């Protein structure tokens, strides 16, 4: 269980730092609604990728034992 908590913590920190660096590179005239939509899409893609990778890892792990 601890590895899942550690993985989710690392994921949230990486996502937060990723969004902070992306906000620093955006133009000042962009709307907050557009930035929020981009952030939501990024979040969903990362969550789906993380879950997919976790499922793949656990499947391969259980097949090897």
Protein backbone atom coordinates (compact mmCIF):
# COMPACT_ATOMS: atom_id res chain seq x y z
CA UNK A 1 0.00 0.00 0.00
CA UNK A 2 2.88 2.33 0.73
CA UNK A 3 4.18 2.15 -2.82
CA UNK A 4 0.82 3.40 -4.13
CA UNK A 5 0.81 6.32 -1.69
CA UNK A 6 4.39 7.17 -2.67
CA UNK A 7 3.51 6.91 -6.36
CA UNK A 8 0.48 9.17 -6.02
CA UNK A 9 2.52 11.72 -4.05
CA UNK A 10 5.24 11.77 -6.70
CA UNK A 11 2.57 12.07 -9.41
CA UNK A 12 0.89 15.05 -7.76
CA UNK A 13 4.22 16.82 -7.16
CA UNK A 14 5.31 16.25 -10.76
CA UNK A 15 1.95 17.47 -12.08
CA UNK A 16 2.08 20.56 -9.87
CA UNK A 17 5.62 21.47 -10.98
CA UNK A 18 4.64 20.79 -14.60
CA UNK A 19 1.67 23.17 -14.38
CA UNK A 20 3.71 25.86 -12.62
CA UNK A 21 6.33 25.80 -15.37
CA UNK A 22 3.61 25.80 -18.05
CA UNK A 23 1.92 28.83 -16.46
CA UNK A 24 5.22 30.72 -16.43
CA UNK A 25 5.57 30.16 -20.19
CA UNK A 26 2.03 31.20 -21.17
CA UNK A 27 1.14 34.58 -22.53
CA UNK A 28 -0.41 37.10 -20.16
CA UNK A 29 -3.48 37.67 -22.38
CA UNK A 30 -4.78 34.08 -22.19
CA UNK A 31 -8.01 33.54 -20.28
CA UNK A 32 -8.21 31.55 -17.08
CA UNK A 33 -11.00 29.38 -18.50
CA UNK A 34 -8.76 28.28 -21.37
CA UNK A 35 -5.87 27.56 -18.99
CA UNK A 36 -8.20 25.64 -16.67
CA UNK A 37 -9.48 23.52 -19.56
CA UNK A 38 -5.92 22.74 -20.66
CA UNK A 39 -4.99 21.84 -17.07
CA UNK A 40 -8.01 19.54 -16.77
CA UNK A 41 -7.19 17.75 -20.04
CA UNK A 42 -3.54 17.38 -18.96
CA UNK A 43 -4.66 15.98 -15.61
CA UNK A 44 -7.01 13.45 -17.21
CA UNK A 45 -4.36 12.28 -19.67
CA UNK A 46 -1.83 11.85 -16.86
CA UNK A 47 -4.30 9.99 -14.61
CA UNK A 48 -5.33 7.62 -17.41
CA UNK A 49 -1.68 7.04 -18.28
CA UNK A 50 -0.76 6.40 -14.66
CA UNK A 51 -3.64 3.97 -14.16
CA UNK A 52 -2.87 2.20 -17.43
CA UNK A 53 0.79 1.86 -16.55
CA UNK A 54 -0.12 0.59 -13.06
CA UNK A 55 -2.50 -2.00 -14.49
CA UNK A 56 0.11 -3.10 -17.02
CA UNK A 57 2.78 -3.33 -14.31
CA UNK A 58 0.55 -5.33 -11.97
CA UNK A 59 -0.50 -7.66 -14.80
CA UNK A 60 3.09 -8.34 -15.79
CA UNK A 61 4.06 -8.76 -12.13
CA UNK A 62 1.29 -11.26 -11.45
CA UNK A 63 2.06 -13.20 -14.65
CA UNK A 64 5.72 -13.54 -13.66
CA UNK A 65 4.91 -15.12 -10.30
